[in-house]
Amino acid sequence: SGASWILSNENFLKGASFVDYLQLRATYGLNGNIPKNSGPFMIAESGTNYFNNLPTNSIITPANNQLRWESTAITNLGIDYNLLNYRLSGKADYYVRKSADLLGDYDINPTLGFTSAQVNTASMTNRGWEFQLTSKNIVTRNFEWNTTVSYANNKNKITKVAISSDYTTPLRLASGSPYIVGQPYGGMYSFRFGDLSPNDGQIQMLD
């Protein structure tokens, strides 16, 4: 779902002779994403036993009736313009995307029959700019030369971790994309090498 607002008024531009066209845009929307591999009901897979050829059922994921949709609220502000008798044209956008209830794997007690379960894990914010500028450098009957320059910048960070779990252990960092409050999602991490242990020559890492 979403809503948009556009302002484009020629009377507003009469005082600026170098501006041929100007449009302001504002958009707000909400969208959601449901977990594809988990749900409120247990998911099982049917098969055949290799040894006795009898039918089998294997539990793929446990039931989880506390799962919620991933939700994202998107706010976008933009401007479209043409300048200097349409010699320059372009657009600029600024957006903020706030996501909540992000899905992630969480370690659970293996005696339950599973080592991990998919849960609503964290919240994240994305902010970014997008620019595009096109210029008509040479325009003749037989030749036309245009130049387009684009620029985009995006920054994101985790704003909340909803469950109590340590995502800074070596195993978590090595498995990729840990949720760490104040840090970007998908960040790359490394460990400080602490030489080899003197007794057995094993690699050591500084804490």
Protein backbone atom coordinates (compact mmCIF):
# COMPACT_ATOMS: atom_id res chain seq x y z
CA SER A 1 0.00 0.00 0.00
CA GLY A 2 1.19 3.57 -0.52
CA ALA A 3 0.39 7.21 -1.27
CA SER A 4 2.03 9.81 -3.49
CA TRP A 5 1.94 13.59 -3.95
CA ILE A 6 3.17 15.53 -7.00
CA LEU A 7 3.55 19.31 -7.48
CA SER A 8 4.01 20.64 -11.02
CA ASN A 9 2.87 24.25 -11.58
CA GLU A 10 3.90 26.37 -14.58
CA ASN A 11 2.82 29.58 -12.83
CA PHE A 12 5.33 28.83 -10.10
CA LEU A 13 8.14 28.83 -12.69
CA LYS A 14 7.39 32.16 -14.41
CA GLY A 15 9.95 34.00 -12.30
CA ALA A 16 12.77 31.59 -13.21
CA SER A 17 13.39 31.89 -16.96
CA PHE A 18 16.16 29.28 -16.99
CA VAL A 19 13.79 26.61 -15.57
CA ASP A 20 11.73 24.89 -18.27
CA TYR A 21 10.12 22.22 -16.12
CA LEU A 22 10.06 21.40 -12.42
CA GLN A 23 8.18 18.64 -10.61
CA LEU A 24 8.32 17.77 -6.93
CA ARG A 25 7.38 14.30 -5.74
CA ALA A 26 6.62 12.78 -2.36
CA THR A 27 5.78 9.12 -1.85
CA TYR A 28 5.07 6.98 1.20
CA GLY A 29 4.39 3.26 1.13
CA LEU A 30 4.24 0.11 3.23
CA ASN A 31 5.03 -3.41 2.13
CA GLY A 32 5.45 -6.76 3.82
CA ASN A 33 7.20 -10.05 3.29
CA ILE A 34 6.15 -13.39 4.72
CA PRO A 35 8.59 -16.17 5.67
CA LYS A 36 8.76 -18.75 2.88
CA ASN A 37 10.33 -21.64 4.79
CA SER A 38 8.59 -21.36 8.17
CA GLY A 39 5.11 -20.80 9.52
CA PRO A 40 2.62 -21.54 12.30
CA PHE A 41 2.42 -25.19 11.22
CA MET A 42 5.07 -27.86 11.08
CA ILE A 43 6.46 -28.51 7.59
CA ALA A 44 7.23 -32.13 6.72
CA GLU A 45 8.48 -33.89 3.62
CA SER A 46 7.37 -37.33 2.43
CA GLY A 47 9.81 -39.86 1.04
CA THR A 48 10.78 -43.52 0.88
CA ASN A 49 13.16 -45.38 3.16
CA TYR A 50 16.22 -46.50 1.20
CA PHE A 51 16.63 -49.79 3.08
CA ASN A 52 13.09 -51.17 3.43
CA ASN A 53 11.27 -49.19 0.73
CA LEU A 54 8.62 -48.04 3.24
CA PRO A 55 7.16 -44.50 3.23
CA THR A 56 8.76 -41.93 5.54
CA ASN A 57 8.08 -38.41 6.75
CA SER A 58 10.85 -35.98 7.68
CA ILE A 59 10.23 -32.76 9.61
CA ILE A 60 11.80 -29.87 7.69
CA THR A 61 10.95 -26.96 9.99
CA PRO A 62 9.20 -26.87 13.37
CA ALA A 63 5.94 -25.04 13.98
CA ASN A 64 6.32 -21.39 15.02
CA ASN A 65 3.09 -19.48 15.69
CA GLN A 66 4.97 -16.35 16.82
CA LEU A 67 6.31 -15.42 13.36
CA ARG A 68 5.29 -12.00 12.02
CA TRP A 69 5.60 -10.40 8.60
CA GLU A 70 8.73 -8.48 7.74
CA SER A 71 7.48 -4.91 7.25
CA THR A 72 9.09 -1.94 5.47
CA ALA A 73 7.95 1.70 5.50
CA ILE A 74 9.37 3.71 2.58
CA THR A 75 9.46 7.52 2.37
CA ASN A 76 10.72 9.07 -0.88
CA LEU A 77 11.20 12.74 -1.80
CA GLY A 78 12.17 13.61 -5.36
CA ILE A 79 12.53 16.35 -7.94
CA ASP A 80 12.50 16.21 -11.77
CA TYR A 81 13.74 19.20 -13.77
CA ASN A 82 14.64 20.59 -17.21
CA LEU A 83 16.88 23.67 -17.46
CA LEU A 84 18.30 26.08 -20.06
CA ASN A 85 15.87 25.37 -22.86
CA TYR A 86 15.98 21.62 -22.13
CA ARG A 87 19.76 21.45 -22.49
CA LEU A 88 20.03 20.05 -18.96
CA SER A 89 17.62 17.57 -17.41
CA GLY A 90 17.70 15.24 -14.47
CA LYS A 91 16.23 14.07 -11.22
CA ALA A 92 17.19 13.66 -7.58
CA ASP A 93 15.70 11.41 -4.91
CA TYR A 94 16.16 11.00 -1.17
CA TYR A 95 14.65 7.96 0.52
CA VAL A 96 14.34 6.40 3.95
CA ARG A 97 13.40 2.75 4.37
CA LYS A 98 12.66 1.45 7.84
CA SER A 99 12.34 -2.32 8.14
CA ALA A 100 11.09 -4.17 11.20
CA ASP A 101 10.77 -7.82 12.24
CA LEU A 102 13.52 -8.95 9.87
CA LEU A 103 13.71 -12.71 9.57
CA GLY A 104 16.84 -14.55 10.66
CA ASP A 105 18.08 -17.84 12.02
CA TYR A 106 18.31 -18.24 15.80
CA ASP A 107 20.14 -21.02 17.62
CA ILE A 108 17.84 -23.18 19.73
CA ASN A 109 18.30 -26.12 22.07
CA PRO A 110 19.36 -29.03 19.81
CA THR A 111 17.55 -31.52 22.07
CA LEU A 112 14.34 -30.15 20.51
CA GLY A 113 15.38 -31.84 17.29
CA PHE A 114 16.64 -28.74 15.49
CA THR A 115 19.77 -26.62 15.87
CA SER A 116 18.16 -23.37 14.63
CA ALA A 117 14.79 -21.80 13.87
CA GLN A 118 13.68 -18.84 11.76
CA VAL A 119 12.44 -15.96 13.92
CA ASN A 120 11.80 -12.20 13.71
CA THR A 121 15.22 -10.96 14.62
CA ALA A 122 16.00 -7.28 14.05
CA SER A 123 15.10 -3.84 12.71
CA MET A 124 17.09 -1.88 10.13
CA THR A 125 17.13 1.60 8.54
CA ASN A 126 18.29 2.43 5.00
CA ARG A 127 18.93 6.02 3.88
CA GLY A 128 20.17 7.07 0.48
CA TRP A 129 20.48 9.60 -2.34
CA GLU A 130 20.12 9.06 -6.09
CA PHE A 131 21.06 11.70 -8.68
CA GLN A 132 20.93 11.76 -12.46
CA LEU A 133 21.98 14.60 -14.78
CA THR A 134 21.72 14.54 -18.60
CA SER A 135 23.21 17.27 -20.81
CA LYS A 136 22.77 17.92 -24.53
CA ASN A 137 26.29 18.95 -25.46
CA ILE A 138 25.96 19.15 -29.27
CA VAL A 139 22.73 19.00 -31.26
CA THR A 140 22.81 19.36 -35.06
CA ARG A 141 20.82 17.96 -37.93
CA ASN A 142 23.20 15.03 -38.40
CA PHE A 143 24.88 14.67 -35.03
CA GLU A 144 23.84 14.66 -31.40
CA TRP A 145 26.04 14.20 -28.32
CA ASN A 146 24.44 13.62 -24.92
CA THR A 147 26.08 12.91 -21.58
CA THR A 148 24.42 11.26 -18.58
CA VAL A 149 25.96 11.16 -15.10
CA SER A 150 24.45 9.07 -12.28
CA TYR A 151 25.30 8.88 -8.59
CA ALA A 152 23.82 6.76 -5.81
CA ASN A 153 24.68 6.42 -2.14
CA ASN A 154 23.11 4.16 0.46
CA LYS A 155 23.84 3.60 4.13
CA ASN A 156 22.11 1.14 6.40
CA LYS A 157 22.45 0.12 10.00
CA ILE A 158 20.83 -2.25 12.42
CA THR A 159 18.72 -0.26 14.90
CA LYS A 160 17.42 -3.07 17.10
CA VAL A 161 18.03 -6.73 17.81
CA ALA A 162 14.76 -8.21 19.02
CA ILE A 163 16.05 -11.37 20.65
CA SER A 164 18.88 -12.00 23.05
CA SER A 165 21.64 -13.63 21.05
CA ASP A 166 25.36 -13.03 20.70
CA TYR A 167 26.08 -12.21 17.06
CA THR A 168 29.71 -11.23 17.69
CA THR A 169 31.14 -14.72 18.27
CA PRO A 170 33.67 -16.01 15.69
CA LEU A 171 31.16 -18.57 14.44
CA ARG A 172 28.45 -15.94 13.92
CA LEU A 173 30.78 -13.53 12.13
CA ALA A 174 32.22 -16.27 9.92
CA SER A 175 28.75 -17.48 8.89
CA GLY A 176 28.03 -14.04 7.39
CA SER A 177 25.72 -11.04 7.89
CA PRO A 178 25.38 -10.87 11.68
CA TYR A 179 22.92 -8.45 13.30
CA ILE A 180 24.93 -5.94 15.36
CA VAL A 181 23.20 -2.79 16.65
CA GLY A 182 24.71 0.36 15.13
CA GLN A 183 26.54 -1.54 12.38
CA PRO A 184 25.53 -2.10 8.73
CA TYR A 185 23.89 -5.34 7.69
CA GLY A 186 26.13 -7.53 5.56
CA GLY A 187 29.33 -5.93 6.88
CA MET A 188 32.63 -7.73 6.51
CA TYR A 189 34.66 -8.52 9.62
CA SER A 190 38.08 -9.97 10.28
CA PHE A 191 40.00 -11.12 13.35
CA ARG A 192 43.35 -9.87 14.58
CA PHE A 193 45.97 -12.56 14.19
CA GLY A 194 47.60 -13.42 17.51
CA ASP A 195 50.48 -15.60 16.29
CA LEU A 196 50.66 -19.36 16.64
CA SER A 197 50.33 -21.04 20.02
CA PRO A 198 53.77 -22.06 21.33
CA ASN A 199 52.79 -25.59 22.36
CA ASP A 200 50.96 -26.95 19.30
CA GLY A 201 51.25 -24.26 16.59
CA GLN A 202 47.53 -23.52 16.39
CA ILE A 203 46.31 -20.16 15.05
CA GLN A 204 45.39 -17.70 17.80
CA MET A 205 43.09 -14.68 17.50
CA LEU A 206 43.17 -11.61 19.71
CA ASP A 207 39.95 -10.82 21.57
